[in-house]
Amino acid sequence: MNSESIIRARVRNEPEMLMRVVGTMRRRGFRMKKVLMEEGSIPDEAFLSITLADEENDFKRAKTYLNRLVDFNVLEY
């Protein structure tokens, strides 16, 4: 069964942050269907949405890895 999960997080508004997140996800073998980074209302803040095309167990692992990143605050999933 194919499911889709979305992780939304508040991050620093820097290209390096997007590269770190995508690099971490790729190295860990997660299948990302969509990655969207939107500028926030506060300077230097952005919102990152990652849509995963994986099973629930993989989603939980992804959330764990991403929470380890500095300046990555998961808001909802």
PDB file of N, CA and C in Angstrom:
ATOM      1  N   MET A   1       0.835  -1.187   0.000  1.00  0.00           N
ATOM      2  CA  MET A   1       0.000   0.000   0.000  1.00  0.00           C
ATOM      3  C   MET A   1       0.878   1.249   0.000  1.00  0.00           C
ATOM      4  N   ASN A   2       0.648   2.134  -0.938  1.00  0.00           N
ATOM      5  CA  ASN A   2       1.385   3.381  -1.008  1.00  0.00           C
ATOM      6  C   ASN A   2       0.667   4.435  -0.190  1.00  0.00           C
ATOM      7  N   SER A   3       1.383   5.037   0.725  1.00  0.00           N
ATOM      8  CA  SER A   3       0.805   6.114   1.507  1.00  0.00           C
ATOM      9  C   SER A   3       1.656   7.351   1.299  1.00  0.00           C
ATOM     10  N   GLU A   4       1.134   8.459   1.727  1.00  0.00           N
ATOM     11  CA  GLU A   4       1.829   9.723   1.573  1.00  0.00           C
ATOM     12  C   GLU A   4       1.798  10.440   2.913  1.00  0.00           C
ATOM     13  N   SER A   5       2.949  10.929   3.350  1.00  0.00           N
ATOM     14  CA  SER A   5       3.049  11.642   4.619  1.00  0.00           C
ATOM     15  C   SER A   5       3.737  12.973   4.376  1.00  0.00           C
ATOM     16  N   ILE A   6       3.321  13.986   5.128  1.00  0.00           N
ATOM     17  CA  ILE A   6       3.910  15.314   4.977  1.00  0.00           C
ATOM     18  C   ILE A   6       4.500  15.755   6.309  1.00  0.00           C
ATOM     19  N   ILE A   7       5.742  16.194   6.257  1.00  0.00           N
ATOM     20  CA  ILE A   7       6.408  16.785   7.419  1.00  0.00           C
ATOM     21  C   ILE A   7       6.531  18.275   7.128  1.00  0.00           C
ATOM     22  N   ARG A   8       6.118  19.110   8.068  1.00  0.00           N
ATOM     23  CA  ARG A   8       6.238  20.563   7.912  1.00  0.00           C
ATOM     24  C   ARG A   8       7.079  21.072   9.070  1.00  0.00           C
ATOM     25  N   ALA A   9       8.067  21.917   8.737  1.00  0.00           N
ATOM     26  CA  ALA A   9       8.992  22.389   9.764  1.00  0.00           C
ATOM     27  C   ALA A   9       9.358  23.851   9.553  1.00  0.00           C
ATOM     28  N   ARG A  10       9.751  24.489  10.645  1.00  0.00           N
ATOM     29  CA  ARG A  10      10.284  25.849  10.599  1.00  0.00           C
ATOM     30  C   ARG A  10      11.801  25.718  10.548  1.00  0.00           C
ATOM     31  N   VAL A  11      12.421  26.396   9.576  1.00  0.00           N
ATOM     32  CA  VAL A  11      13.870  26.298   9.386  1.00  0.00           C
ATOM     33  C   VAL A  11      14.446  27.683   9.107  1.00  0.00           C
ATOM     34  N   ARG A  12      15.780  27.764   9.104  1.00  0.00           N
ATOM     35  CA  ARG A  12      16.449  28.995   8.676  1.00  0.00           C
ATOM     36  C   ARG A  12      16.245  29.147   7.176  1.00  0.00           C
ATOM     37  N   ASN A  13      16.064  30.366   6.721  1.00  0.00           N
ATOM     38  CA  ASN A  13      15.848  30.634   5.297  1.00  0.00           C
ATOM     39  C   ASN A  13      17.199  30.734   4.592  1.00  0.00           C
ATOM     40  N   GLU A  14      17.835  29.590   4.396  1.00  0.00           N
ATOM     41  CA  GLU A  14      19.141  29.520   3.740  1.00  0.00           C
ATOM     42  C   GLU A  14      19.170  28.320   2.805  1.00  0.00           C
ATOM     43  N   PRO A  15      19.803  28.462   1.638  1.00  0.00           N
ATOM     44  CA  PRO A  15      19.908  27.321   0.721  1.00  0.00           C
ATOM     45  C   PRO A  15      20.627  26.132   1.359  1.00  0.00           C
ATOM     46  N   GLU A  16      21.581  26.410   2.247  1.00  0.00           N
ATOM     47  CA  GLU A  16      22.331  25.333   2.901  1.00  0.00           C
ATOM     48  C   GLU A  16      21.418  24.433   3.722  1.00  0.00           C
ATOM     49  N   MET A  17      20.404  25.009   4.342  1.00  0.00           N
ATOM     50  CA  MET A  17      19.480  24.212   5.148  1.00  0.00           C
ATOM     51  C   MET A  17      18.703  23.248   4.265  1.00  0.00           C
ATOM     52  N   LEU A  18      18.220  23.737   3.135  1.00  0.00           N
ATOM     53  CA  LEU A  18      17.500  22.880   2.196  1.00  0.00           C
ATOM     54  C   LEU A  18      18.410  21.755   1.703  1.00  0.00           C
ATOM     55  N   MET A  19      19.653  22.073   1.390  1.00  0.00           N
ATOM     56  CA  MET A  19      20.604  21.062   0.919  1.00  0.00           C
ATOM     57  C   MET A  19      20.882  20.019   1.999  1.00  0.00           C
ATOM     58  N   ARG A  20      21.013  20.442   3.245  1.00  0.00           N
ATOM     59  CA  ARG A  20      21.262  19.501   4.345  1.00  0.00           C
ATOM     60  C   ARG A  20      20.103  18.535   4.527  1.00  0.00           C
ATOM     61  N   VAL A  21      18.891  19.070   4.488  1.00  0.00           N
ATOM     62  CA  VAL A  21      17.708  18.231   4.687  1.00  0.00           C
ATOM     63  C   VAL A  21      17.575  17.219   3.553  1.00  0.00           C
ATOM     64  N   VAL A  22      17.654  17.689   2.319  1.00  0.00           N
ATOM     65  CA  VAL A  22      17.519  16.791   1.167  1.00  0.00           C
ATOM     66  C   VAL A  22      18.654  15.771   1.151  1.00  0.00           C
ATOM     67  N   GLY A  23      19.873  16.206   1.457  1.00  0.00           N
ATOM     68  CA  GLY A  23      21.009  15.285   1.503  1.00  0.00           C
ATOM     69  C   GLY A  23      20.833  14.206   2.556  1.00  0.00           C
ATOM     70  N   THR A  24      20.363  14.590   3.733  1.00  0.00           N
ATOM     71  CA  THR A  24      20.122  13.621   4.806  1.00  0.00           C
ATOM     72  C   THR A  24      19.066  12.608   4.391  1.00  0.00           C
ATOM     73  N   MET A  25      18.001  13.085   3.799  1.00  0.00           N
ATOM     74  CA  MET A  25      16.918  12.192   3.379  1.00  0.00           C
ATOM     75  C   MET A  25      17.386  11.225   2.290  1.00  0.00           C
ATOM     76  N   ARG A  26      18.160  11.721   1.345  1.00  0.00           N
ATOM     77  CA  ARG A  26      18.662  10.857   0.257  1.00  0.00           C
ATOM     78  C   ARG A  26      19.600   9.790   0.793  1.00  0.00           C
ATOM     79  N   ARG A  27      20.536  10.195   1.652  1.00  0.00           N
ATOM     80  CA  ARG A  27      21.503   9.228   2.209  1.00  0.00           C
ATOM     81  C   ARG A  27      20.809   8.133   3.001  1.00  0.00           C
ATOM     82  N   ARG A  28      19.716   8.465   3.638  1.00  0.00           N
ATOM     83  CA  ARG A  28      18.975   7.486   4.447  1.00  0.00           C
ATOM     84  C   ARG A  28      17.997   6.657   3.620  1.00  0.00           C
ATOM     85  N   GLY A  29      17.877   6.968   2.331  1.00  0.00           N
ATOM     86  CA  GLY A  29      17.069   6.156   1.434  1.00  0.00           C
ATOM     87  C   GLY A  29      15.582   6.462   1.408  1.00  0.00           C
ATOM     88  N   PHE A  30      15.189   7.654   1.833  1.00  0.00           N
ATOM     89  CA  PHE A  30      13.776   8.020   1.813  1.00  0.00           C
ATOM     90  C   PHE A  30      13.373   8.496   0.423  1.00  0.00           C
ATOM     91  N   ARG A  31      12.159   8.167   0.034  1.00  0.00           N
ATOM     92  CA  ARG A  31      11.629   8.600  -1.262  1.00  0.00           C
ATOM     93  C   ARG A  31      10.797   9.859  -1.056  1.00  0.00           C
ATOM     94  N   MET A  32      11.324  10.975  -1.528  1.00  0.00           N
ATOM     95  CA  MET A  32      10.615  12.246  -1.411  1.00  0.00           C
ATOM     96  C   MET A  32       9.840  12.500  -2.696  1.00  0.00           C
ATOM     97  N   LYS A  33       8.557  12.753  -2.562  1.00  0.00           N
ATOM     98  CA  LYS A  33       7.731  13.081  -3.725  1.00  0.00           C
ATOM     99  C   LYS A  33       7.763  14.577  -4.007  1.00  0.00           C
ATOM    100  N   LYS A  34       7.888  15.365  -2.938  1.00  0.00           N
ATOM    101  CA  LYS A  34       7.818  16.814  -3.101  1.00  0.00           C
ATOM    102  C   LYS A  34       8.558  17.488  -1.954  1.00  0.00           C
ATOM    103  N   VAL A  35       9.307  18.548  -2.281  1.00  0.00           N
ATOM    104  CA  VAL A  35       9.977  19.369  -1.275  1.00  0.00           C
ATOM    105  C   VAL A  35       9.647  20.823  -1.606  1.00  0.00           C
ATOM    106  N   LEU A  36       9.123  21.546  -0.622  1.00  0.00           N
ATOM    107  CA  LEU A  36       8.715  22.929  -0.839  1.00  0.00           C
ATOM    108  C   LEU A  36       9.234  23.781   0.313  1.00  0.00           C
ATOM    109  N   MET A  37       9.952  24.857  -0.024  1.00  0.00           N
ATOM    110  CA  MET A  37      10.458  25.772   0.993  1.00  0.00           C
ATOM    111  C   MET A  37       9.855  27.146   0.713  1.00  0.00           C
ATOM    112  N   GLU A  38       9.140  27.689   1.715  1.00  0.00           N
ATOM    113  CA  GLU A  38       8.470  28.977   1.574  1.00  0.00           C
ATOM    114  C   GLU A  38       9.015  29.960   2.600  1.00  0.00           C
ATOM    115  N   GLU A  39       9.198  31.188   2.175  1.00  0.00           N
ATOM    116  CA  GLU A  39       9.687  32.233   3.056  1.00  0.00           C
ATOM    117  C   GLU A  39       8.649  32.537   4.130  1.00  0.00           C
ATOM    118  N   GLY A  40       9.114  32.730   5.373  1.00  0.00           N
ATOM    119  CA  GLY A  40       8.212  33.050   6.470  1.00  0.00           C
ATOM    120  C   GLY A  40       8.034  34.547   6.629  1.00  0.00           C
ATOM    121  N   SER A  41       7.182  34.947   7.561  1.00  0.00           N
ATOM    122  CA  SER A  41       6.931  36.370   7.791  1.00  0.00           C
ATOM    123  C   SER A  41       8.041  37.025   8.610  1.00  0.00           C
ATOM    124  N   ILE A  42       8.808  36.222   9.331  1.00  0.00           N
ATOM    125  CA  ILE A  42       9.936  36.714  10.120  1.00  0.00           C
ATOM    126  C   ILE A  42      11.198  36.592   9.267  1.00  0.00           C
ATOM    127  N   PRO A  43      12.056  37.628   9.257  1.00  0.00           N
ATOM    128  CA  PRO A  43      13.294  37.530   8.471  1.00  0.00           C
ATOM    129  C   PRO A  43      14.114  36.298   8.875  1.00  0.00           C
ATOM    130  N   ASP A  44      14.745  35.696   7.906  1.00  0.00           N
ATOM    131  CA  ASP A  44      15.597  34.513   8.105  1.00  0.00           C
ATOM    132  C   ASP A  44      14.824  33.268   8.527  1.00  0.00           C
ATOM    133  N   GLU A  45      13.513  33.264   8.394  1.00  0.00           N
ATOM    134  CA  GLU A  45      12.712  32.096   8.738  1.00  0.00           C
ATOM    135  C   GLU A  45      12.008  31.584   7.483  1.00  0.00           C
ATOM    136  N   ALA A  46      11.910  30.268   7.382  1.00  0.00           N
ATOM    137  CA  ALA A  46      11.202  29.661   6.255  1.00  0.00           C
ATOM    138  C   ALA A  46      10.445  28.441   6.756  1.00  0.00           C
ATOM    139  N   PHE A  47       9.495  28.003   5.955  1.00  0.00           N
ATOM    140  CA  PHE A  47       8.748  26.786   6.253  1.00  0.00           C
ATOM    141  C   PHE A  47       9.066  25.765   5.180  1.00  0.00           C
ATOM    142  N   LEU A  48       9.405  24.585   5.614  1.00  0.00           N
ATOM    143  CA  LEU A  48       9.790  23.507   4.712  1.00  0.00           C
ATOM    144  C   LEU A  48       8.767  22.390   4.812  1.00  0.00           C
ATOM    145  N   SER A  49       8.212  22.002   3.672  1.00  0.00           N
ATOM    146  CA  SER A  49       7.270  20.881   3.614  1.00  0.00           C
ATOM    147  C   SER A  49       7.897  19.771   2.790  1.00  0.00           C
ATOM    148  N   ILE A  50       7.903  18.565   3.347  1.00  0.00           N
ATOM    149  CA  ILE A  50       8.468  17.404   2.667  1.00  0.00           C
ATOM    150  C   ILE A  50       7.375  16.351   2.576  1.00  0.00           C
ATOM    151  N   THR A  51       7.056  15.945   1.359  1.00  0.00           N
ATOM    152  CA  THR A  51       6.068  14.894   1.141  1.00  0.00           C
ATOM    153  C   THR A  51       6.810  13.601   0.863  1.00  0.00           C
ATOM    154  N   LEU A  52       6.578  12.613   1.721  1.00  0.00           N
ATOM    155  CA  LEU A  52       7.222  11.307   1.582  1.00  0.00           C
ATOM    156  C   LEU A  52       6.256  10.303   0.979  1.00  0.00           C
ATOM    157  N   ALA A  53       6.781   9.442   0.134  1.00  0.00           N
ATOM    158  CA  ALA A  53       5.971   8.384  -0.485  1.00  0.00           C
ATOM    159  C   ALA A  53       6.387   7.050   0.107  1.00  0.00           C
ATOM    160  N   ASP A  54       6.297   6.925   1.405  1.00  0.00           N
ATOM    161  CA  ASP A  54       6.761   5.725   2.085  1.00  0.00           C
ATOM    162  C   ASP A  54       5.755   5.243   3.109  1.00  0.00           C
ATOM    163  N   GLU A  55       6.059   4.104   3.655  1.00  0.00           N
ATOM    164  CA  GLU A  55       5.218   3.519   4.696  1.00  0.00           C
ATOM    165  C   GLU A  55       5.383   4.277   6.007  1.00  0.00           C
ATOM    166  N   GLU A  56       4.489   4.044   6.942  1.00  0.00           N
ATOM    167  CA  GLU A  56       4.469   4.761   8.218  1.00  0.00           C
ATOM    168  C   GLU A  56       5.769   4.599   8.997  1.00  0.00           C
ATOM    169  N   ASN A  57       6.354   3.409   8.991  1.00  0.00           N
ATOM    170  CA  ASN A  57       7.597   3.173   9.721  1.00  0.00           C
ATOM    171  C   ASN A  57       8.714   4.069   9.192  1.00  0.00           C
ATOM    172  N   ASP A  58       8.811   4.221   7.866  1.00  0.00           N
ATOM    173  CA  ASP A  58       9.821   5.094   7.280  1.00  0.00           C
ATOM    174  C   ASP A  58       9.573   6.546   7.660  1.00  0.00           C
ATOM    175  N   PHE A  59       8.313   6.934   7.748  1.00  0.00           N
ATOM    176  CA  PHE A  59       7.976   8.302   8.123  1.00  0.00           C
ATOM    177  C   PHE A  59       8.469   8.607   9.536  1.00  0.00           C
ATOM    178  N   LYS A  60       8.272   7.678  10.450  1.00  0.00           N
ATOM    179  CA  LYS A  60       8.733   7.871  11.827  1.00  0.00           C
ATOM    180  C   LYS A  60      10.250   7.989  11.882  1.00  0.00           C
ATOM    181  N   ARG A  61      10.941   7.177  11.091  1.00  0.00           N
ATOM    182  CA  ARG A  61      12.405   7.260  11.034  1.00  0.00           C
ATOM    183  C   ARG A  61      12.843   8.605  10.474  1.00  0.00           C
ATOM    184  N   ALA A  62      12.177   9.080   9.429  1.00  0.00           N
ATOM    185  CA  ALA A  62      12.522  10.365   8.818  1.00  0.00           C
ATOM    186  C   ALA A  62      12.380  11.493   9.832  1.00  0.00           C
ATOM    187  N   LYS A  63      11.291  11.479  10.582  1.00  0.00           N
ATOM    188  CA  LYS A  63      11.066  12.512  11.593  1.00  0.00           C
ATOM    189  C   LYS A  63      12.180  12.493  12.638  1.00  0.00           C
ATOM    190  N   THR A  64      12.610  11.303  13.037  1.00  0.00           N
ATOM    191  CA  THR A  64      13.694  11.169  14.013  1.00  0.00           C
ATOM    192  C   THR A  64      14.990  11.766  13.478  1.00  0.00           C
ATOM    193  N   TYR A  65      15.356  11.434  12.243  1.00  0.00           N
ATOM    194  CA  TYR A  65      16.584  11.976  11.647  1.00  0.00           C
ATOM    195  C   TYR A  65      16.521  13.487  11.517  1.00  0.00           C
ATOM    196  N   LEU A  66      15.391  14.013  11.070  1.00  0.00           N
ATOM    197  CA  LEU A  66      15.274  15.451  10.859  1.00  0.00           C
ATOM    198  C   LEU A  66      15.287  16.223  12.170  1.00  0.00           C
ATOM    199  N   ASN A  67      14.737  15.660  13.228  1.00  0.00           N
ATOM    200  CA  ASN A  67      14.758  16.335  14.527  1.00  0.00           C
ATOM    201  C   ASN A  67      16.168  16.468  15.078  1.00  0.00           C
ATOM    202  N   ARG A  68      17.100  15.664  14.589  1.00  0.00           N
ATOM    203  CA  ARG A  68      18.497  15.750  15.031  1.00  0.00           C
ATOM    204  C   ARG A  68      19.239  16.925  14.402  1.00  0.00           C
ATOM    205  N   LEU A  69      18.718  17.461  13.305  1.00  0.00           N
ATOM    206  CA  LEU A  69      19.386  18.571  12.633  1.00  0.00           C
ATOM    207  C   LEU A  69      19.251  19.843  13.461  1.00  0.00           C
ATOM    208  N   VAL A  70      20.308  20.621  13.504  1.00  0.00           N
ATOM    209  CA  VAL A  70      20.282  21.897  14.210  1.00  0.00           C
ATOM    210  C   VAL A  70      19.407  22.866  13.413  1.00  0.00           C
ATOM    211  N   ASP A  71      18.629  23.672  14.102  1.00  0.00           N
ATOM    212  CA  ASP A  71      17.753  24.672  13.485  1.00  0.00           C
ATOM    213  C   ASP A  71      16.657  24.054  12.624  1.00  0.00           C
ATOM    214  N   PHE A  72      16.209  22.861  12.983  1.00  0.00           N
ATOM    215  CA  PHE A  72      15.105  22.215  12.269  1.00  0.00           C
ATOM    216  C   PHE A  72      14.044  21.909  13.306  1.00  0.00           C
ATOM    217  N   ASN A  73      12.928  22.603  13.254  1.00  0.00           N
ATOM    218  CA  ASN A  73      11.856  22.426  14.229  1.00  0.00           C
ATOM    219  C   ASN A  73      10.606  21.890  13.543  1.00  0.00           C
ATOM    220  N   VAL A  74      10.297  20.617  13.798  1.00  0.00           N
ATOM    221  CA  VAL A  74       9.107  20.019  13.199  1.00  0.00           C
ATOM    222  C   VAL A  74       7.872  20.649  13.823  1.00  0.00           C
ATOM    223  N   LEU A  75       6.983  21.151  12.981  1.00  0.00           N
ATOM    224  CA  LEU A  75       5.753  21.777  13.459  1.00  0.00           C
ATOM    225  C   LEU A  75       4.592  20.800  13.456  1.00  0.00           C
ATOM    226  N   GLU A  76       4.478  20.027  12.378  1.00  0.00           N
ATOM    227  CA  GLU A  76       3.366  19.076  12.259  1.00  0.00           C
ATOM    228  C   GLU A  76       3.749  17.992  11.276  1.00  0.00           C
ATOM    229  N   TYR A  77       3.007  16.908  11.356  1.00  0.00           N
ATOM    230  CA  TYR A  77       3.260  15.783  10.448  1.00  0.00           C
ATOM    231  C   TYR A  77       2.017  14.944  10.351  1.00  0.00           C
TER     232      TYR A  77
END
